[in-house]
Each structure stands twice: as C-alpha cells, then as structure tokens.
Amino acid sequence: MSSTGRGSEREEEDQYFTRYPVALGICEALKGYGFEAPRRILEPSAGTGAFVSAAAEVWQPDTLLWNDINTSLILPEHLSRASGLGGGRLISLESDFLLMPSQADCDLVIGNPPYSDAEAHVRKAITMIHDEGAVAFLLRVNFLAGIARTAGLWAEHPPDFVCPLDKRPQFVDGYRINKKGKKVKKGTDSCEYAVFIWRKERPECEPAIRWIQWSKYLKKLENKVARVEVTPKVAGKPKVDKAKKLVAGSAIEGAVT
C-alpha cells in the first residue's frame, strides 16, 4: 500500500496498516456522504483492525465481518472497541480474501487492500455486495492511472466517487537510512491517497470528487502523530465468533461457530 515512509524498502507482505484516526475520518465522511446505516459490513484485509473498530463506532452494524490471512495482528484495543459497541455480531474470518465465496450480501466492503494486488481485491469486493451495496477502499491516487486499468477496470467498473485525503497518512513506524547515510524517523507517506467508492448499480454519470478531512481527528483524539493508536477502554472480555481458515466454496455463515 505505502511507499514506506519515504524509504526504499518495502514492508513484508505489503503490511501497511491504516491508523485509527484515518479510518475513523473515512467512516465519518462516508456516513456524511449518504452511507448512513450499512447493516452488514465486511473488512477483507483487517490487519491491526483500525477499520473494524471505526466501522463499529460509526455505524454499529448488525453484522461486522473482519478477515485477514493472519487475524492475530488485530490490536486488543480495536477488538475490544468493536465488540463493545452496539448489539451486533462481530465475526472473525481467517482466509485469503480472494478465495472467499462471493456471497453478494454485504451493504459495505471497506478497508485498505494490499496495493500489490489491489485491482483483484476491488473486483472481488464488488462480488461481495448486493445491488444496493458499496465498496470503499483506501488507495493511492495514482491507482487511477495505467493503460491496462483504463481499458479494463475503469471501463467495466468506474467508481462513483474518488475522495482524496486532505493529509498524507502514515503507515509505518521506526527509522530508515536516508541518502546521506543518516538514521531518520519514518514520516508520512510520499504518495497522495484517496478513498475510491464503487456501487454495483450506479447512475450513468462521471465519477464525482469529494474530499475527506481526516486530519482533524488527529487533534480530536489528541494524537499528533498518526502512528499512535488512541482507543477508549471497553469493559468486559471481547466476544467474537471465530471462523478459522475459511476455504473457497464454504459459506461464510455456515463456517461461523
């Protein structure tokens, strides 16, 4: 996803995790843009869980499914937040999203897909929403470019909205070695980002541009650097339905225990 905090090395398995203020700002903006009450939400590449807890806080859906190849990466704070908000079901799936059965029953698929395989995740996500559903993915702005994508994805599935972020997010912590050989702290990403929104049944019109002011949540959460996760404490032990190692061909609900 990221260009690695302005360094040259890439994180293993494209592990560039969205920070909570970014995810919360995106979810709040989508709610203001008309996505007011999705009842069944899927986060297909949950990572540390920022979108899981943000979606739970903003919408309190009836069912919130979160998936990742490795579900142990989710932060306890995000899991507690998601399980402690509302009375809906929180369902964990551990699988390769691209191999999940296409259910076409979600109101919203939202997240930050691995950029190296982003188009495949977009196409898969579209098969997971019903006719009135939507997909909202955080991607680089230059995802708009490319000869193959222009003639392929954008001709077949043009987005309804492209929503640039007002501030570049930070995805990675730690330090890197700059061109002068000095150790410097990793900062915000070197690319601009936007939330791309698709609807399965969309009006015959050109994509609209809207802006997402997520940076105001840094101050709201008293979090001056996006790498710090700020989450409230939720009493009680998280209650999560686990569906481990989901394989292609198995029904999502049928796999939940």
Protein backbone atom coordinates (compact mmCIF):
# COMPACT_ATOMS: atom_id res chain seq x y z
CA MET A 1 0.00 0.00 0.00
CA SER A 2 2.52 2.54 1.15
CA SER A 3 5.73 3.84 -0.36
CA THR A 4 7.24 3.09 3.02
CA GLY A 5 7.50 6.39 4.81
CA ARG A 6 9.75 7.80 2.09
CA GLY A 7 12.24 4.98 2.27
CA SER A 8 13.17 2.46 -0.42
CA GLU A 9 12.49 -0.83 1.33
CA ARG A 10 9.04 -2.43 1.38
CA GLU A 11 7.31 -3.99 4.34
CA GLU A 12 6.88 -7.77 4.32
CA GLU A 13 3.64 -8.95 2.67
CA ASP A 14 2.54 -5.34 1.98
CA GLN A 15 1.76 -4.83 5.67
CA TYR A 16 0.94 -1.12 5.70
CA PHE A 17 -1.70 -0.81 8.37
CA THR A 18 -4.20 2.04 8.48
CA ARG A 19 -4.10 4.10 11.66
CA TYR A 20 -7.26 4.65 13.67
CA PRO A 21 -7.66 8.43 13.06
CA VAL A 22 -7.52 7.80 9.29
CA ALA A 23 -10.09 5.00 9.45
CA LEU A 24 -12.40 6.99 11.73
CA GLY A 25 -12.20 10.06 9.49
CA ILE A 26 -13.03 7.96 6.44
CA CYS A 27 -16.01 6.22 8.06
CA GLU A 28 -17.41 9.52 9.38
CA ALA A 29 -17.03 11.10 5.94
CA LEU A 30 -18.79 8.19 4.23
CA LYS A 31 -21.67 8.49 6.68
CA GLY A 32 -21.95 12.17 5.79
CA TYR A 33 -21.87 11.31 2.08
CA GLY A 34 -25.02 9.19 2.34
CA PHE A 35 -23.79 5.81 3.60
CA GLU A 36 -25.79 6.24 6.77
CA ALA A 37 -26.73 2.79 8.03
CA PRO A 38 -24.99 -0.24 6.45
CA ARG A 39 -26.19 -3.23 8.44
CA ARG A 40 -23.71 -5.85 7.17
CA ILE A 41 -20.10 -4.69 6.78
CA LEU A 42 -17.01 -6.63 5.69
CA GLU A 43 -13.38 -5.59 6.23
CA PRO A 44 -11.48 -8.01 3.94
CA SER A 45 -7.89 -7.15 4.97
CA ALA A 46 -8.28 -6.10 8.59
CA GLY A 47 -4.63 -6.03 9.64
CA THR A 48 -4.44 -4.37 13.07
CA GLY A 49 -8.16 -3.57 12.98
CA ALA A 50 -8.49 0.21 12.63
CA PHE A 51 -11.35 -0.01 10.12
CA VAL A 52 -13.02 -2.72 12.23
CA SER A 53 -13.29 -0.53 15.32
CA ALA A 54 -14.03 2.65 13.34
CA ALA A 55 -16.87 0.97 11.42
CA ALA A 56 -18.32 -0.37 14.66
CA GLU A 57 -18.20 3.06 16.28
CA VAL A 58 -19.67 5.00 13.37
CA TRP A 59 -22.37 2.59 12.20
CA GLN A 60 -22.92 -0.10 14.87
CA PRO A 61 -23.95 -2.62 12.19
CA ASP A 62 -25.97 -5.77 12.79
CA THR A 63 -23.07 -7.86 11.45
CA LEU A 64 -19.43 -6.84 11.18
CA LEU A 65 -17.16 -9.37 9.49
CA TRP A 66 -13.41 -8.86 9.61
CA ASN A 67 -10.99 -11.00 7.65
CA ASP A 68 -7.24 -11.39 7.32
CA ILE A 69 -4.79 -14.14 6.46
CA ASN A 70 -3.44 -13.65 9.98
CA THR A 71 -6.13 -12.47 12.42
CA SER A 72 -3.67 -12.37 15.33
CA LEU A 73 -2.45 -8.99 14.05
CA ILE A 74 -5.53 -7.17 15.33
CA LEU A 75 -4.84 -4.89 18.30
CA PRO A 76 -6.72 -5.76 21.52
CA GLU A 77 -7.92 -2.15 21.77
CA HIS A 78 -9.62 -2.35 18.37
CA LEU A 79 -11.14 -5.75 19.12
CA SER A 80 -12.49 -4.50 22.45
CA ARG A 81 -13.94 -1.39 20.85
CA ALA A 82 -15.67 -3.34 18.07
CA SER A 83 -17.08 -5.96 20.41
CA GLY A 84 -18.22 -3.42 22.96
CA LEU A 85 -20.21 -1.13 20.66
CA GLY A 86 -23.80 -1.95 19.75
CA GLY A 87 -25.54 -5.30 19.91
CA GLY A 88 -24.47 -6.70 16.54
CA ARG A 89 -22.42 -9.77 15.69
CA LEU A 90 -18.66 -9.48 15.32
CA ILE A 91 -17.39 -12.34 13.14
CA SER A 92 -13.74 -13.15 12.52
CA LEU A 93 -12.68 -14.91 9.31
CA GLU A 94 -9.13 -16.09 8.66
CA SER A 95 -8.63 -16.60 4.95
CA ASP A 96 -7.29 -15.31 1.67
CA PHE A 97 -9.96 -12.78 0.70
CA LEU A 98 -9.59 -13.61 -2.98
CA LEU A 99 -10.58 -17.23 -2.25
CA MET A 100 -13.66 -16.41 -0.18
CA PRO A 101 -17.02 -17.40 -1.68
CA SER A 102 -18.80 -14.50 -3.37
CA GLN A 103 -21.89 -14.00 -1.23
CA ALA A 104 -23.20 -10.69 -2.70
CA ASP A 105 -24.91 -9.89 0.61
CA CYS A 106 -22.87 -7.05 2.13
CA ASP A 107 -24.06 -3.45 2.42
CA LEU A 108 -20.47 -2.21 2.59
CA VAL A 109 -16.99 -3.63 1.99
CA ILE A 110 -14.41 -1.23 3.40
CA GLY A 111 -10.67 -1.26 4.04
CA ASN A 112 -7.11 -0.82 2.85
CA PRO A 113 -6.27 -3.64 0.41
CA PRO A 114 -2.68 -4.70 -0.35
CA TYR A 115 -1.62 -2.36 -3.14
CA SER A 116 0.32 -5.08 -4.97
CA ASP A 117 -2.97 -6.89 -5.57
CA ALA A 118 -5.43 -4.02 -5.24
CA GLU A 119 -7.31 -4.45 -8.51
CA ALA A 120 -8.05 -8.10 -7.76
CA HIS A 121 -9.37 -7.05 -4.34
CA VAL A 122 -11.59 -4.39 -5.92
CA ARG A 123 -13.06 -6.88 -8.37
CA LYS A 124 -13.60 -9.44 -5.62
CA ALA A 125 -15.18 -6.91 -3.28
CA ILE A 126 -17.72 -5.91 -5.93
CA THR A 127 -18.92 -9.54 -5.98
CA MET A 128 -19.47 -9.38 -2.20
CA ILE A 129 -22.04 -6.55 -2.23
CA HIS A 130 -25.72 -6.72 -3.11
CA ASP A 131 -27.28 -4.46 -5.74
CA GLU A 132 -27.59 -1.51 -3.34
CA GLY A 133 -24.24 -2.11 -1.66
CA ALA A 134 -20.92 -0.26 -1.93
CA VAL A 135 -17.16 -0.83 -1.82
CA ALA A 136 -14.89 1.80 -0.25
CA PHE A 137 -11.13 1.20 -0.47
CA LEU A 138 -8.22 3.40 0.56
CA LEU A 139 -5.78 3.50 -2.38
CA ARG A 140 -3.07 5.65 -3.88
CA VAL A 141 -4.35 8.41 -6.14
CA ASN A 142 -2.17 7.02 -8.95
CA PHE A 143 -4.38 3.92 -8.91
CA LEU A 144 -6.37 5.97 -11.43
CA ALA A 145 -3.56 5.61 -13.99
CA GLY A 146 -2.40 2.71 -16.17
CA ILE A 147 -3.14 1.63 -19.73
CA ALA A 148 -4.48 -1.80 -18.75
CA ARG A 149 -6.61 -0.44 -15.91
CA THR A 150 -8.04 2.36 -18.04
CA ALA A 151 -9.21 -0.11 -20.68
CA GLY A 152 -10.15 -2.74 -18.10
CA LEU A 153 -11.32 -1.93 -14.56
CA TRP A 154 -12.30 1.68 -15.22
CA ALA A 155 -14.27 0.74 -18.34
CA GLU A 156 -16.03 -2.14 -16.56
CA HIS A 157 -16.40 -0.71 -13.04
CA PRO A 158 -15.93 3.07 -12.88
CA PRO A 159 -16.13 4.41 -9.32
CA ASP A 160 -18.96 6.59 -8.10
CA PHE A 161 -16.64 8.77 -6.02
CA VAL A 162 -12.94 9.45 -5.65
CA CYS A 163 -12.30 11.12 -2.29
CA PRO A 164 -8.75 12.47 -1.78
CA LEU A 165 -7.44 12.67 1.79
CA ASP A 166 -6.50 16.15 3.00
CA LYS A 167 -3.28 14.88 4.63
CA ARG A 168 -0.94 12.07 3.66
CA PRO A 169 -1.31 9.21 6.15
CA GLN A 170 1.49 7.40 7.95
CA PHE A 171 1.58 3.62 7.66
CA VAL A 172 4.92 2.54 9.13
CA ASP A 173 6.85 3.14 12.35
CA GLY A 174 10.54 3.09 13.11
CA TYR A 175 13.54 4.54 11.30
CA ARG A 176 15.23 4.41 7.91
CA ILE A 177 18.60 5.37 6.49
CA ASN A 178 18.45 8.41 4.21
CA LYS A 179 20.62 9.15 1.16
CA LYS A 180 23.26 10.73 3.37
CA GLY A 181 23.55 7.58 5.45
CA LYS A 182 21.82 9.11 8.47
CA LYS A 183 19.18 7.40 10.59
CA VAL A 184 15.92 9.34 10.37
CA LYS A 185 12.44 8.72 11.69
CA LYS A 186 9.92 7.45 9.17
CA GLY A 187 7.22 10.01 8.46
CA THR A 188 4.08 10.31 6.40
CA ASP A 189 3.84 8.51 3.10
CA SER A 190 5.29 10.09 -0.04
CA CYS A 191 2.10 9.48 -2.09
CA GLU A 192 -1.30 11.09 -2.08
CA TYR A 193 -4.23 8.86 -1.13
CA ALA A 194 -7.95 8.73 -1.80
CA VAL A 195 -10.94 6.60 -0.94
CA PHE A 196 -12.42 5.03 -4.07
CA ILE A 197 -16.12 4.16 -3.82
CA TRP A 198 -17.97 1.75 -6.10
CA ARG A 199 -21.65 0.84 -6.20
CA LYS A 200 -22.82 -2.20 -8.11
CA GLU A 201 -25.74 -0.31 -9.60
CA ARG A 202 -24.57 3.24 -10.27
CA PRO A 203 -26.12 6.10 -12.23
CA GLU A 204 -24.84 6.77 -15.73
CA CYS A 205 -22.59 9.68 -14.87
CA GLU A 206 -18.93 10.51 -14.44
CA PRO A 207 -17.26 9.83 -11.07
CA ALA A 208 -17.56 12.69 -8.58
CA ILE A 209 -14.71 14.06 -6.48
CA ARG A 210 -15.17 14.75 -2.79
CA TRP A 211 -12.61 15.39 -0.09
CA ILE A 212 -12.06 13.68 3.26
CA GLN A 213 -10.67 15.83 6.08
CA TRP A 214 -9.37 13.05 8.28
CA SER A 215 -6.56 15.19 9.74
CA LYS A 216 -8.98 16.88 12.16
CA TYR A 217 -9.23 13.56 14.01
CA LEU A 218 -5.57 13.80 14.99
CA LYS A 219 -6.39 16.81 17.14
CA LYS A 220 -9.75 15.42 18.25
CA LEU A 221 -8.05 12.29 19.57
CA GLU A 222 -5.11 14.28 20.97
CA ASN A 223 -2.91 12.26 18.64
CA LYS A 224 -0.36 14.42 16.86
CA VAL A 225 1.28 11.52 15.03
CA ALA A 226 -0.93 9.12 13.10
CA ARG A 227 1.13 6.08 14.11
CA VAL A 228 -0.22 6.18 17.70
CA GLU A 229 -3.47 4.30 18.26
CA VAL A 230 -5.88 6.04 20.63
CA THR A 231 -8.85 3.91 21.66
CA PRO A 232 -11.14 4.03 24.70
CA LYS A 233 -11.19 1.20 27.20
CA VAL A 234 -14.17 -1.11 26.87
CA ALA A 235 -15.13 -3.20 29.87
CA GLY A 236 -15.57 -6.92 29.55
CA LYS A 237 -13.96 -9.65 27.53
CA PRO A 238 -14.36 -9.37 23.74
CA LYS A 239 -16.94 -11.75 22.29
CA VAL A 240 -16.00 -12.85 18.80
CA ASP A 241 -17.30 -15.64 16.59
CA LYS A 242 -14.28 -17.32 15.03
CA ALA A 243 -14.26 -18.93 11.57
CA LYS A 244 -10.68 -20.09 11.14
CA LYS A 245 -9.06 -20.89 7.82
CA LEU A 246 -12.06 -20.36 5.59
CA VAL A 247 -11.60 -22.11 2.25
CA ALA A 248 -13.10 -21.40 -1.14
CA GLY A 249 -16.53 -22.94 -1.57
CA SER A 250 -17.61 -22.80 2.06
CA ALA A 251 -20.43 -20.47 3.06
CA ILE A 252 -19.43 -17.62 5.35
CA GLU A 253 -22.31 -18.01 7.77
CA GLY A 254 -22.03 -21.76 7.67
CA ALA A 255 -18.40 -21.55 8.72
CA VAL A 256 -19.09 -19.49 11.84
CA THR A 257 -19.10 -21.31 15.14
